[in-house]
Amino acid sequence: MTRSEQKRLAIVTAAKAEFIQHGFIAANMDRVCASAEVSKRTLYRHFESKEVLFEAVLTIIQSTIDEGEHYSYNAKLSIEVQLSEIIRKEAETLYGTYGIPFTRTIVLEFLRQPEMAQQIISKIYINRSLTQWFAEAQREGKLKDMKVELLSHTYSSLYNGMFVWPQIFDMQPIPTGKEFEEKIQHIVTVFLAAFAV
């Protein structure tokens, strides 16, 4: 990495911690600079505003996730097994990469600024790999022939209801062990009851 790239990464890392601890509104760029050990001039040379910095943090995290995510339909495995593994991987990624504290910051900021949410979601929160898997499962005759967007929205609602909203709004602990597997099974059962051929 070049020196400039190192500084940019340091700023993003410090900004993520700042957003988690203080939220978007109270996040302070002076504290970000101090933590990243860069000048304010350097910060604004890389990121022209707090909003741009926030989006950059999300984009970098999502890019890291996208690099590791690729769901190809496997005709040798049952659709139940494949969907279960996808859900397991997505939940582990959510908890291990974004983390609930930062996810809570994202959700609260999206509620406060719906225009920002719409822009960012359209750019970085479309799970293309999962959408592709749904389409491949349809071609194999395993899922009903309908708009893939409807499949994706339904899946997202089930997934968020099991693994995101309880932790964000009800402050429930991250599910583990038997509870974790039961939540996965519930999503698979409900989704396939509606859409499996």
N, C-alpha and C. Protein backbone atom coordinates (compact mmCIF):
# COMPACT_ATOMS: atom_id res chain seq x y z
N MET A 1 0.82 -1.20 0.00
CA MET A 1 0.00 0.00 0.00
C MET A 1 0.86 1.25 0.00
N THR A 2 0.43 2.25 -0.76
CA THR A 2 1.14 3.52 -0.75
C THR A 2 0.84 4.24 0.56
N ARG A 3 1.60 5.27 0.84
CA ARG A 3 1.38 6.04 2.06
C ARG A 3 -0.02 6.66 2.07
N SER A 4 -0.46 7.13 0.89
CA SER A 4 -1.79 7.71 0.78
C SER A 4 -2.87 6.67 1.06
N GLU A 5 -2.68 5.47 0.54
CA GLU A 5 -3.65 4.39 0.78
C GLU A 5 -3.69 3.99 2.25
N GLN A 6 -2.52 3.99 2.89
CA GLN A 6 -2.45 3.67 4.31
C GLN A 6 -3.22 4.71 5.13
N LYS A 7 -3.05 5.97 4.77
CA LYS A 7 -3.76 7.04 5.49
C LYS A 7 -5.27 6.92 5.28
N ARG A 8 -5.66 6.61 4.06
CA ARG A 8 -7.09 6.46 3.76
C ARG A 8 -7.68 5.32 4.60
N LEU A 9 -6.98 4.20 4.68
CA LEU A 9 -7.45 3.06 5.46
C LEU A 9 -7.53 3.41 6.94
N ALA A 10 -6.53 4.15 7.42
CA ALA A 10 -6.52 4.56 8.83
C ALA A 10 -7.71 5.46 9.14
N ILE A 11 -8.04 6.35 8.21
CA ILE A 11 -9.18 7.25 8.39
C ILE A 11 -10.48 6.45 8.44
N VAL A 12 -10.64 5.51 7.52
CA VAL A 12 -11.86 4.70 7.47
C VAL A 12 -12.01 3.87 8.74
N THR A 13 -10.92 3.28 9.19
CA THR A 13 -10.95 2.48 10.42
C THR A 13 -11.33 3.33 11.62
N ALA A 14 -10.73 4.50 11.71
CA ALA A 14 -11.04 5.41 12.82
C ALA A 14 -12.47 5.91 12.72
N ALA A 15 -12.93 6.17 11.51
CA ALA A 15 -14.30 6.67 11.32
C ALA A 15 -15.32 5.61 11.73
N LYS A 16 -15.07 4.37 11.39
CA LYS A 16 -16.01 3.31 11.78
C LYS A 16 -16.16 3.27 13.30
N ALA A 17 -15.03 3.32 14.02
CA ALA A 17 -15.07 3.31 15.48
C ALA A 17 -15.80 4.54 16.02
N GLU A 18 -15.58 5.68 15.39
CA GLU A 18 -16.23 6.93 15.81
C GLU A 18 -17.74 6.86 15.60
N PHE A 19 -18.15 6.35 14.45
CA PHE A 19 -19.58 6.24 14.17
C PHE A 19 -20.25 5.27 15.13
N ILE A 20 -19.58 4.19 15.47
CA ILE A 20 -20.14 3.21 16.41
C ILE A 20 -20.32 3.84 17.78
N GLN A 21 -19.29 4.53 18.25
CA GLN A 21 -19.32 5.07 19.61
C GLN A 21 -20.24 6.26 19.76
N HIS A 22 -20.30 7.13 18.75
CA HIS A 22 -21.02 8.39 18.91
C HIS A 22 -22.22 8.56 17.99
N GLY A 23 -22.39 7.63 17.04
CA GLY A 23 -23.45 7.82 16.06
C GLY A 23 -23.02 8.81 14.99
N PHE A 24 -23.79 8.89 13.92
CA PHE A 24 -23.40 9.76 12.81
C PHE A 24 -23.43 11.23 13.18
N ILE A 25 -24.52 11.66 13.81
CA ILE A 25 -24.69 13.09 14.09
C ILE A 25 -23.59 13.63 15.00
N ALA A 26 -23.28 12.87 16.06
CA ALA A 26 -22.30 13.34 17.05
C ALA A 26 -20.87 12.98 16.69
N ALA A 27 -20.69 12.24 15.61
CA ALA A 27 -19.33 11.88 15.20
C ALA A 27 -18.52 13.14 14.93
N ASN A 28 -17.29 13.16 15.41
CA ASN A 28 -16.46 14.35 15.34
C ASN A 28 -15.22 14.08 14.49
N MET A 29 -15.03 14.90 13.46
CA MET A 29 -13.93 14.68 12.54
C MET A 29 -12.57 14.94 13.18
N ASP A 30 -12.53 15.80 14.21
CA ASP A 30 -11.27 16.02 14.92
C ASP A 30 -10.83 14.75 15.63
N ARG A 31 -11.79 14.04 16.23
CA ARG A 31 -11.46 12.77 16.90
C ARG A 31 -11.02 11.72 15.88
N VAL A 32 -11.66 11.72 14.72
CA VAL A 32 -11.27 10.78 13.67
C VAL A 32 -9.82 11.05 13.24
N CYS A 33 -9.50 12.33 13.06
CA CYS A 33 -8.13 12.71 12.67
C CYS A 33 -7.12 12.29 13.73
N ALA A 34 -7.45 12.52 14.98
CA ALA A 34 -6.54 12.17 16.07
C ALA A 34 -6.32 10.67 16.13
N SER A 35 -7.40 9.90 15.97
CA SER A 35 -7.29 8.45 16.02
C SER A 35 -6.51 7.89 14.83
N ALA A 36 -6.73 8.49 13.66
CA ALA A 36 -6.05 8.03 12.45
C ALA A 36 -4.66 8.61 12.31
N GLU A 37 -4.34 9.58 13.17
CA GLU A 37 -3.05 10.27 13.14
C GLU A 37 -2.81 10.95 11.79
N VAL A 38 -3.83 11.69 11.36
CA VAL A 38 -3.71 12.48 10.13
C VAL A 38 -4.22 13.89 10.41
N SER A 39 -3.87 14.81 9.55
CA SER A 39 -4.38 16.17 9.70
C SER A 39 -5.79 16.26 9.13
N LYS A 40 -6.49 17.31 9.52
CA LYS A 40 -7.84 17.51 9.00
C LYS A 40 -7.79 17.75 7.49
N ARG A 41 -6.75 18.40 7.07
CA ARG A 41 -6.58 18.65 5.64
C ARG A 41 -6.47 17.34 4.88
N THR A 42 -5.72 16.40 5.45
CA THR A 42 -5.56 15.09 4.82
C THR A 42 -6.90 14.36 4.76
N LEU A 43 -7.66 14.42 5.86
CA LEU A 43 -8.95 13.75 5.89
C LEU A 43 -9.86 14.28 4.78
N TYR A 44 -9.95 15.61 4.68
CA TYR A 44 -10.86 16.18 3.70
C TYR A 44 -10.33 16.10 2.27
N ARG A 45 -9.05 15.82 2.13
CA ARG A 45 -8.52 15.55 0.79
C ARG A 45 -9.04 14.20 0.29
N HIS A 46 -9.19 13.26 1.22
CA HIS A 46 -9.71 11.93 0.87
C HIS A 46 -11.24 11.89 0.87
N PHE A 47 -11.85 12.59 1.82
CA PHE A 47 -13.31 12.54 1.99
C PHE A 47 -13.82 13.96 2.20
N GLU A 48 -14.62 14.45 1.28
CA GLU A 48 -15.00 15.87 1.29
C GLU A 48 -16.02 16.23 2.37
N SER A 49 -16.69 15.22 2.94
CA SER A 49 -17.68 15.51 3.98
C SER A 49 -17.86 14.29 4.86
N LYS A 50 -18.56 14.48 5.98
CA LYS A 50 -18.85 13.37 6.88
C LYS A 50 -19.72 12.33 6.17
N GLU A 51 -20.67 12.80 5.35
CA GLU A 51 -21.55 11.89 4.61
C GLU A 51 -20.75 11.02 3.66
N VAL A 52 -19.80 11.61 2.97
CA VAL A 52 -18.96 10.86 2.03
C VAL A 52 -18.10 9.84 2.78
N LEU A 53 -17.60 10.24 3.95
CA LEU A 53 -16.80 9.33 4.77
C LEU A 53 -17.66 8.15 5.25
N PHE A 54 -18.88 8.45 5.68
CA PHE A 54 -19.78 7.39 6.14
C PHE A 54 -20.06 6.40 5.02
N GLU A 55 -20.33 6.91 3.84
CA GLU A 55 -20.58 6.04 2.69
C GLU A 55 -19.34 5.22 2.35
N ALA A 56 -18.16 5.84 2.48
CA ALA A 56 -16.92 5.13 2.18
C ALA A 56 -16.70 3.96 3.13
N VAL A 57 -17.02 4.17 4.40
CA VAL A 57 -16.89 3.09 5.38
C VAL A 57 -17.79 1.93 4.98
N LEU A 58 -19.04 2.23 4.63
CA LEU A 58 -19.98 1.19 4.22
C LEU A 58 -19.52 0.49 2.95
N THR A 59 -19.04 1.27 2.00
CA THR A 59 -18.63 0.71 0.71
C THR A 59 -17.45 -0.24 0.88
N ILE A 60 -16.48 0.15 1.69
CA ILE A 60 -15.30 -0.70 1.89
C ILE A 60 -15.69 -2.00 2.58
N ILE A 61 -16.55 -1.91 3.59
CA ILE A 61 -16.99 -3.12 4.27
C ILE A 61 -17.75 -4.02 3.30
N GLN A 62 -18.66 -3.42 2.52
CA GLN A 62 -19.45 -4.22 1.59
C GLN A 62 -18.58 -4.83 0.50
N SER A 63 -17.55 -4.12 0.06
CA SER A 63 -16.64 -4.65 -0.94
C SER A 63 -15.90 -5.88 -0.41
N THR A 64 -15.51 -5.80 0.86
CA THR A 64 -14.84 -6.94 1.50
C THR A 64 -15.77 -8.14 1.54
N ILE A 65 -17.04 -7.90 1.83
CA ILE A 65 -18.02 -8.97 1.88
C ILE A 65 -18.24 -9.55 0.48
N ASP A 66 -18.40 -8.67 -0.51
CA ASP A 66 -18.67 -9.13 -1.88
C ASP A 66 -17.55 -10.02 -2.41
N GLU A 67 -16.32 -9.71 -2.02
CA GLU A 67 -15.19 -10.52 -2.48
C GLU A 67 -15.28 -11.96 -2.00
N GLY A 68 -15.87 -12.14 -0.81
CA GLY A 68 -15.94 -13.48 -0.23
C GLY A 68 -17.26 -14.19 -0.49
N GLU A 69 -18.21 -13.51 -1.11
CA GLU A 69 -19.53 -14.08 -1.33
C GLU A 69 -19.72 -14.45 -2.79
N HIS A 70 -20.02 -15.71 -3.00
CA HIS A 70 -20.41 -16.15 -4.33
C HIS A 70 -21.25 -17.40 -4.15
N TYR A 71 -22.52 -17.29 -4.48
CA TYR A 71 -23.44 -18.41 -4.30
C TYR A 71 -23.83 -18.98 -5.65
N SER A 72 -23.24 -20.09 -6.02
CA SER A 72 -23.60 -20.75 -7.27
C SER A 72 -24.53 -21.91 -6.95
N TYR A 73 -25.57 -22.03 -7.74
CA TYR A 73 -26.50 -23.13 -7.52
C TYR A 73 -25.80 -24.45 -7.84
N ASN A 74 -25.94 -25.42 -6.94
CA ASN A 74 -25.31 -26.73 -7.10
C ASN A 74 -26.40 -27.78 -7.25
N ALA A 75 -26.56 -28.30 -8.45
CA ALA A 75 -27.62 -29.26 -8.74
C ALA A 75 -27.47 -30.56 -7.95
N LYS A 76 -26.27 -30.82 -7.41
CA LYS A 76 -26.03 -32.06 -6.66
C LYS A 76 -26.50 -31.97 -5.21
N LEU A 77 -26.78 -30.73 -4.75
CA LEU A 77 -27.24 -30.54 -3.37
C LEU A 77 -28.69 -30.10 -3.36
N SER A 78 -29.41 -30.47 -2.32
CA SER A 78 -30.81 -30.06 -2.21
C SER A 78 -30.87 -28.55 -2.03
N ILE A 79 -31.99 -27.99 -2.43
CA ILE A 79 -32.17 -26.55 -2.28
C ILE A 79 -32.20 -26.16 -0.80
N GLU A 80 -32.71 -27.05 0.05
CA GLU A 80 -32.74 -26.80 1.49
C GLU A 80 -31.33 -26.64 2.06
N VAL A 81 -30.45 -27.54 1.67
CA VAL A 81 -29.07 -27.50 2.16
C VAL A 81 -28.37 -26.23 1.68
N GLN A 82 -28.55 -25.90 0.42
CA GLN A 82 -27.88 -24.72 -0.13
C GLN A 82 -28.37 -23.43 0.51
N LEU A 83 -29.69 -23.31 0.66
CA LEU A 83 -30.24 -22.09 1.25
C LEU A 83 -29.82 -21.97 2.71
N SER A 84 -29.79 -23.08 3.42
CA SER A 84 -29.34 -23.06 4.82
C SER A 84 -27.91 -22.55 4.92
N GLU A 85 -27.05 -23.00 4.02
CA GLU A 85 -25.65 -22.58 4.05
C GLU A 85 -25.51 -21.11 3.71
N ILE A 86 -26.31 -20.62 2.76
CA ILE A 86 -26.29 -19.20 2.41
C ILE A 86 -26.67 -18.35 3.62
N ILE A 87 -27.75 -18.73 4.29
CA ILE A 87 -28.21 -17.97 5.46
C ILE A 87 -27.15 -17.99 6.54
N ARG A 88 -26.57 -19.14 6.78
CA ARG A 88 -25.53 -19.27 7.81
C ARG A 88 -24.35 -18.34 7.51
N LYS A 89 -23.93 -18.33 6.26
CA LYS A 89 -22.79 -17.50 5.86
C LYS A 89 -23.13 -16.02 5.99
N GLU A 90 -24.35 -15.64 5.58
CA GLU A 90 -24.74 -14.24 5.65
C GLU A 90 -24.82 -13.76 7.10
N ALA A 91 -25.35 -14.60 7.98
CA ALA A 91 -25.46 -14.21 9.39
C ALA A 91 -24.08 -14.08 10.02
N GLU A 92 -23.20 -15.01 9.71
CA GLU A 92 -21.84 -14.97 10.25
C GLU A 92 -21.10 -13.74 9.74
N THR A 93 -21.35 -13.39 8.48
CA THR A 93 -20.73 -12.19 7.90
C THR A 93 -21.26 -10.93 8.58
N LEU A 94 -22.58 -10.88 8.78
CA LEU A 94 -23.18 -9.73 9.45
C LEU A 94 -22.58 -9.52 10.82
N TYR A 95 -22.55 -10.55 11.63
CA TYR A 95 -22.07 -10.43 13.00
C TYR A 95 -20.55 -10.23 13.06
N GLY A 96 -19.82 -10.83 12.12
CA GLY A 96 -18.37 -10.78 12.19
C GLY A 96 -17.74 -9.62 11.46
N THR A 97 -18.41 -9.10 10.43
CA THR A 97 -17.81 -8.04 9.61
C THR A 97 -18.41 -6.67 9.92
N TYR A 98 -19.73 -6.56 9.83
CA TYR A 98 -20.38 -5.30 10.20
C TYR A 98 -20.44 -5.16 11.72
N GLY A 99 -20.92 -6.20 12.36
CA GLY A 99 -21.12 -6.14 13.80
C GLY A 99 -22.42 -5.42 14.11
N ILE A 100 -23.08 -5.82 15.17
CA ILE A 100 -24.37 -5.22 15.53
C ILE A 100 -24.24 -3.74 15.91
N PRO A 101 -23.21 -3.30 16.66
CA PRO A 101 -23.14 -1.87 17.00
C PRO A 101 -23.09 -0.97 15.76
N PHE A 102 -22.29 -1.36 14.76
CA PHE A 102 -22.21 -0.53 13.55
C PHE A 102 -23.47 -0.66 12.71
N THR A 103 -24.05 -1.85 12.67
CA THR A 103 -25.31 -2.03 11.95
C THR A 103 -26.39 -1.15 12.55
N ARG A 104 -26.41 -1.04 13.88
CA ARG A 104 -27.38 -0.17 14.55
C ARG A 104 -27.17 1.29 14.12
N THR A 105 -25.92 1.71 14.03
CA THR A 105 -25.60 3.07 13.58
C THR A 105 -26.11 3.29 12.16
N ILE A 106 -25.90 2.31 11.30
CA ILE A 106 -26.36 2.42 9.91
C ILE A 106 -27.87 2.57 9.85
N VAL A 107 -28.58 1.70 10.57
CA VAL A 107 -30.04 1.73 10.54
C VAL A 107 -30.57 3.06 11.05
N LEU A 108 -30.03 3.54 12.17
CA LEU A 108 -30.51 4.80 12.74
C LEU A 108 -30.25 5.96 11.79
N GLU A 109 -29.10 5.94 11.12
CA GLU A 109 -28.79 7.01 10.19
C GLU A 109 -29.68 6.94 8.96
N PHE A 110 -29.99 5.74 8.51
CA PHE A 110 -30.88 5.58 7.37
C PHE A 110 -32.28 6.08 7.70
N LEU A 111 -32.71 5.86 8.95
CA LEU A 111 -34.03 6.36 9.36
C LEU A 111 -34.04 7.88 9.41
N ARG A 112 -32.91 8.46 9.82
CA ARG A 112 -32.81 9.91 9.92
C ARG A 112 -32.68 10.56 8.55
N GLN A 113 -32.00 9.88 7.63
CA GLN A 113 -31.76 10.44 6.30
C GLN A 113 -32.21 9.43 5.23
N PRO A 114 -33.50 9.33 4.96
CA PRO A 114 -33.98 8.35 3.98
C PRO A 114 -33.40 8.53 2.59
N GLU A 115 -33.05 9.79 2.23
CA GLU A 115 -32.45 10.01 0.90
C GLU A 115 -31.09 9.34 0.82
N MET A 116 -30.31 9.46 1.88
CA MET A 116 -29.00 8.80 1.92
C MET A 116 -29.18 7.29 1.85
N ALA A 117 -30.15 6.78 2.59
CA ALA A 117 -30.40 5.35 2.60
C ALA A 117 -30.70 4.85 1.20
N GLN A 118 -31.55 5.56 0.50
CA GLN A 118 -31.94 5.14 -0.85
C GLN A 118 -30.74 5.10 -1.79
N GLN A 119 -29.89 6.11 -1.69
CA GLN A 119 -28.71 6.18 -2.56
C GLN A 119 -27.72 5.07 -2.25
N ILE A 120 -27.44 4.89 -0.97
CA ILE A 120 -26.44 3.89 -0.59
C ILE A 120 -26.93 2.48 -0.85
N ILE A 121 -28.18 2.21 -0.49
CA ILE A 121 -28.72 0.87 -0.70
C ILE A 121 -28.69 0.50 -2.18
N SER A 122 -29.04 1.45 -3.03
CA SER A 122 -29.06 1.16 -4.47
C SER A 122 -27.66 0.90 -5.01
N LYS A 123 -26.65 1.45 -4.35
CA LYS A 123 -25.28 1.30 -4.83
C LYS A 123 -24.56 0.09 -4.24
N ILE A 124 -24.76 -0.16 -2.93
CA ILE A 124 -23.91 -1.19 -2.31
C ILE A 124 -24.66 -2.28 -1.58
N TYR A 125 -25.96 -2.14 -1.38
CA TYR A 125 -26.65 -3.15 -0.58
C TYR A 125 -27.51 -4.10 -1.40
N ILE A 126 -27.27 -4.18 -2.68
CA ILE A 126 -27.99 -5.15 -3.50
C ILE A 126 -27.16 -6.42 -3.53
N ASN A 127 -27.72 -7.49 -2.97
CA ASN A 127 -26.98 -8.75 -2.90
C ASN A 127 -27.09 -9.46 -4.24
N ARG A 128 -26.20 -9.10 -5.16
CA ARG A 128 -26.26 -9.65 -6.51
C ARG A 128 -25.99 -11.15 -6.53
N SER A 129 -25.11 -11.60 -5.64
CA SER A 129 -24.79 -13.02 -5.60
C SER A 129 -26.00 -13.85 -5.22
N LEU A 130 -26.75 -13.40 -4.23
CA LEU A 130 -27.95 -14.11 -3.81
C LEU A 130 -29.03 -14.06 -4.88
N THR A 131 -29.20 -12.89 -5.50
CA THR A 131 -30.17 -12.76 -6.59
C THR A 131 -29.84 -13.72 -7.72
N GLN A 132 -28.56 -13.86 -8.02
CA GLN A 132 -28.12 -14.78 -9.07
C GLN A 132 -28.46 -16.22 -8.68
N TRP A 133 -28.28 -16.56 -7.39
CA TRP A 133 -28.58 -17.92 -6.93
C TRP A 133 -30.07 -18.21 -7.09
N PHE A 134 -30.92 -17.24 -6.75
CA PHE A 134 -32.36 -17.42 -6.93
C PHE A 134 -32.68 -17.69 -8.40
N ALA A 135 -32.07 -16.91 -9.29
CA ALA A 135 -32.33 -17.07 -10.72
C ALA A 135 -31.88 -18.44 -11.22
N GLU A 136 -30.72 -18.89 -10.73
CA GLU A 136 -30.22 -20.21 -11.14
C GLU A 136 -31.13 -21.32 -10.62
N ALA A 137 -31.64 -21.17 -9.40
CA ALA A 137 -32.56 -22.15 -8.84
C ALA A 137 -33.86 -22.19 -9.63
N GLN A 138 -34.28 -21.04 -10.13
CA GLN A 138 -35.47 -21.01 -10.99
C GLN A 138 -35.23 -21.75 -12.29
N ARG A 139 -34.07 -21.54 -12.90
CA ARG A 139 -33.76 -22.20 -14.17
C ARG A 139 -33.69 -23.72 -13.99
N GLU A 140 -33.29 -24.14 -12.78
CA GLU A 140 -33.23 -25.58 -12.49
C GLU A 140 -34.61 -26.15 -12.12
N GLY A 141 -35.62 -25.27 -12.07
CA GLY A 141 -36.96 -25.73 -11.78
C GLY A 141 -37.22 -25.98 -10.30
N LYS A 142 -36.42 -25.39 -9.44
CA LYS A 142 -36.57 -25.61 -7.99
C LYS A 142 -37.35 -24.51 -7.30
N LEU A 143 -37.40 -23.33 -7.91
CA LEU A 143 -38.18 -22.22 -7.36
C LEU A 143 -39.20 -21.76 -8.41
N LYS A 144 -40.31 -21.24 -7.94
CA LYS A 144 -41.37 -20.78 -8.84
C LYS A 144 -40.86 -19.71 -9.79
N ASP A 145 -41.42 -19.71 -11.00
CA ASP A 145 -41.04 -18.73 -12.01
C ASP A 145 -41.78 -17.43 -11.74
N MET A 146 -41.09 -16.52 -11.08
CA MET A 146 -41.67 -15.23 -10.73
C MET A 146 -40.54 -14.21 -10.63
N LYS A 147 -40.88 -12.97 -10.38
CA LYS A 147 -39.84 -11.94 -10.32
C LYS A 147 -38.84 -12.26 -9.22
N VAL A 148 -37.56 -12.22 -9.59
CA VAL A 148 -36.50 -12.50 -8.61
C VAL A 148 -36.51 -11.46 -7.49
N GLU A 149 -36.92 -10.25 -7.83
CA GLU A 149 -36.97 -9.19 -6.81
C GLU A 149 -37.90 -9.56 -5.67
N LEU A 150 -39.02 -10.22 -5.99
CA LEU A 150 -39.96 -10.63 -4.96
C LEU A 150 -39.34 -11.70 -4.06
N LEU A 151 -38.60 -12.62 -4.67
CA LEU A 151 -37.89 -13.64 -3.88
C LEU A 151 -36.89 -12.97 -2.95
N SER A 152 -36.14 -12.01 -3.48
CA SER A 152 -35.12 -11.33 -2.68
C SER A 152 -35.73 -10.55 -1.54
N HIS A 153 -36.82 -9.83 -1.81
CA HIS A 153 -37.46 -9.03 -0.76
C HIS A 153 -38.04 -9.92 0.34
N THR A 154 -38.63 -11.03 -0.06
CA THR A 154 -39.20 -11.94 0.93
C THR A 154 -38.11 -12.56 1.78
N TYR A 155 -37.04 -12.99 1.12
CA TYR A 155 -35.90 -13.55 1.86
C TYR A 155 -35.35 -12.52 2.84
N SER A 156 -35.16 -11.29 2.38
CA SER A 156 -34.60 -10.24 3.23
C SER A 156 -35.47 -9.99 4.45
N SER A 157 -36.79 -10.00 4.25
CA SER A 157 -37.71 -9.78 5.37
C SER A 157 -37.58 -10.89 6.41
N LEU A 158 -37.50 -12.12 5.95
CA LEU A 158 -37.35 -13.25 6.87
C LEU A 158 -35.99 -13.20 7.58
N TYR A 159 -34.95 -12.95 6.81
CA TYR A 159 -33.60 -12.91 7.36
C TYR A 159 -33.45 -11.80 8.40
N ASN A 160 -33.90 -10.60 8.04
CA ASN A 160 -33.80 -9.48 8.98
C ASN A 160 -34.63 -9.71 10.23
N GLY A 161 -35.79 -10.35 10.06
CA GLY A 161 -36.64 -10.64 11.21
C GLY A 161 -36.01 -11.61 12.19
N MET A 162 -35.16 -12.49 11.69
CA MET A 162 -34.51 -13.48 12.55
C MET A 162 -33.15 -13.02 13.09
N PHE A 163 -32.39 -12.31 12.25
CA PHE A 163 -30.99 -12.07 12.59
C PHE A 163 -30.58 -10.60 12.76
N VAL A 164 -31.47 -9.67 12.41
CA VAL A 164 -31.08 -8.26 12.47
C VAL A 164 -31.95 -7.46 13.45
N TRP A 165 -33.26 -7.38 13.18
CA TRP A 165 -34.11 -6.50 13.98
C TRP A 165 -34.15 -6.86 15.46
N PRO A 166 -34.18 -8.13 15.85
CA PRO A 166 -34.18 -8.42 17.31
C PRO A 166 -32.93 -7.89 18.01
N GLN A 167 -31.79 -7.93 17.32
CA GLN A 167 -30.54 -7.46 17.90
C GLN A 167 -30.44 -5.93 17.86
N ILE A 168 -31.01 -5.32 16.83
CA ILE A 168 -30.93 -3.87 16.66
C ILE A 168 -31.89 -3.14 17.60
N PHE A 169 -33.14 -3.57 17.60
CA PHE A 169 -34.17 -2.81 18.30
C PHE A 169 -34.52 -3.38 19.68
N ASP A 170 -34.46 -4.70 19.83
CA ASP A 170 -34.81 -5.31 21.11
C ASP A 170 -33.60 -5.63 21.98
N MET A 171 -32.42 -5.33 21.45
CA MET A 171 -31.16 -5.55 22.17
C MET A 171 -30.98 -7.02 22.57
N GLN A 172 -31.52 -7.93 21.78
CA GLN A 172 -31.34 -9.35 22.08
C GLN A 172 -29.92 -9.77 21.75
N PRO A 173 -29.39 -10.77 22.45
CA PRO A 173 -28.04 -11.24 22.15
C PRO A 173 -27.98 -11.93 20.80
N ILE A 174 -26.79 -11.98 20.23
CA ILE A 174 -26.60 -12.69 18.96
C ILE A 174 -26.89 -14.17 19.17
N PRO A 175 -27.74 -14.77 18.33
CA PRO A 175 -28.06 -16.18 18.52
C PRO A 175 -26.86 -17.09 18.24
N THR A 176 -26.75 -18.13 19.00
CA THR A 176 -25.66 -19.10 18.82
C THR A 176 -26.22 -20.51 18.96
N GLY A 177 -25.40 -21.48 18.60
CA GLY A 177 -25.73 -22.88 18.82
C GLY A 177 -27.08 -23.30 18.27
N LYS A 178 -27.87 -23.95 19.11
CA LYS A 178 -29.17 -24.48 18.70
C LYS A 178 -30.11 -23.38 18.24
N GLU A 179 -30.14 -22.26 18.94
CA GLU A 179 -31.01 -21.15 18.56
C GLU A 179 -30.65 -20.63 17.18
N PHE A 180 -29.38 -20.50 16.89
CA PHE A 180 -28.89 -20.04 15.59
C PHE A 180 -29.40 -20.96 14.48
N GLU A 181 -29.24 -22.27 14.68
CA GLU A 181 -29.65 -23.24 13.67
C GLU A 181 -31.17 -23.28 13.53
N GLU A 182 -31.90 -23.10 14.62
CA GLU A 182 -33.37 -23.09 14.54
C GLU A 182 -33.88 -21.90 13.73
N LYS A 183 -33.22 -20.76 13.87
CA LYS A 183 -33.62 -19.58 13.10
C LYS A 183 -33.36 -19.82 11.60
N ILE A 184 -32.23 -20.43 11.28
CA ILE A 184 -31.93 -20.76 9.89
C ILE A 184 -33.01 -21.68 9.34
N GLN A 185 -33.34 -22.73 10.09
CA GLN A 185 -34.33 -23.70 9.64
C GLN A 185 -35.70 -23.05 9.45
N HIS A 186 -36.03 -22.11 10.31
CA HIS A 186 -37.32 -21.42 10.20
C HIS A 186 -37.40 -20.64 8.89
N ILE A 187 -36.34 -19.90 8.55
CA ILE A 187 -36.32 -19.13 7.31
C ILE A 187 -36.45 -20.06 6.11
N VAL A 188 -35.69 -21.15 6.11
CA VAL A 188 -35.72 -22.11 5.00
C VAL A 188 -37.12 -22.69 4.84
N THR A 189 -37.72 -23.11 5.94
CA THR A 189 -39.05 -23.73 5.90
C THR A 189 -40.10 -22.77 5.36
N VAL A 190 -40.12 -21.55 5.87
CA VAL A 190 -41.13 -20.57 5.44
C VAL A 190 -40.90 -20.16 3.98
N PHE A 191 -39.66 -19.90 3.62
CA PHE A 191 -39.35 -19.46 2.25
C PHE A 191 -39.71 -20.53 1.24
N LEU A 192 -39.29 -21.76 1.49
CA LEU A 192 -39.54 -22.82 0.52
C LEU A 192 -41.01 -23.24 0.50
N ALA A 193 -41.70 -23.08 1.61
CA ALA A 193 -43.14 -23.37 1.61
C ALA A 193 -43.87 -22.43 0.65
N ALA A 194 -43.35 -21.23 0.51
CA ALA A 194 -43.98 -20.24 -0.37
C ALA A 194 -43.51 -20.34 -1.81
N PHE A 195 -42.24 -20.67 -2.01
CA PHE A 195 -41.67 -20.52 -3.35
C PHE A 195 -41.10 -21.78 -3.99
N ALA A 196 -40.93 -22.87 -3.26
CA ALA A 196 -40.37 -24.08 -3.87
C ALA A 196 -41.36 -24.71 -4.82
N VAL A 197 -40.85 -25.32 -5.86
CA VAL A 197 -41.69 -26.05 -6.83
C VAL A 197 -41.87 -27.46 -6.31
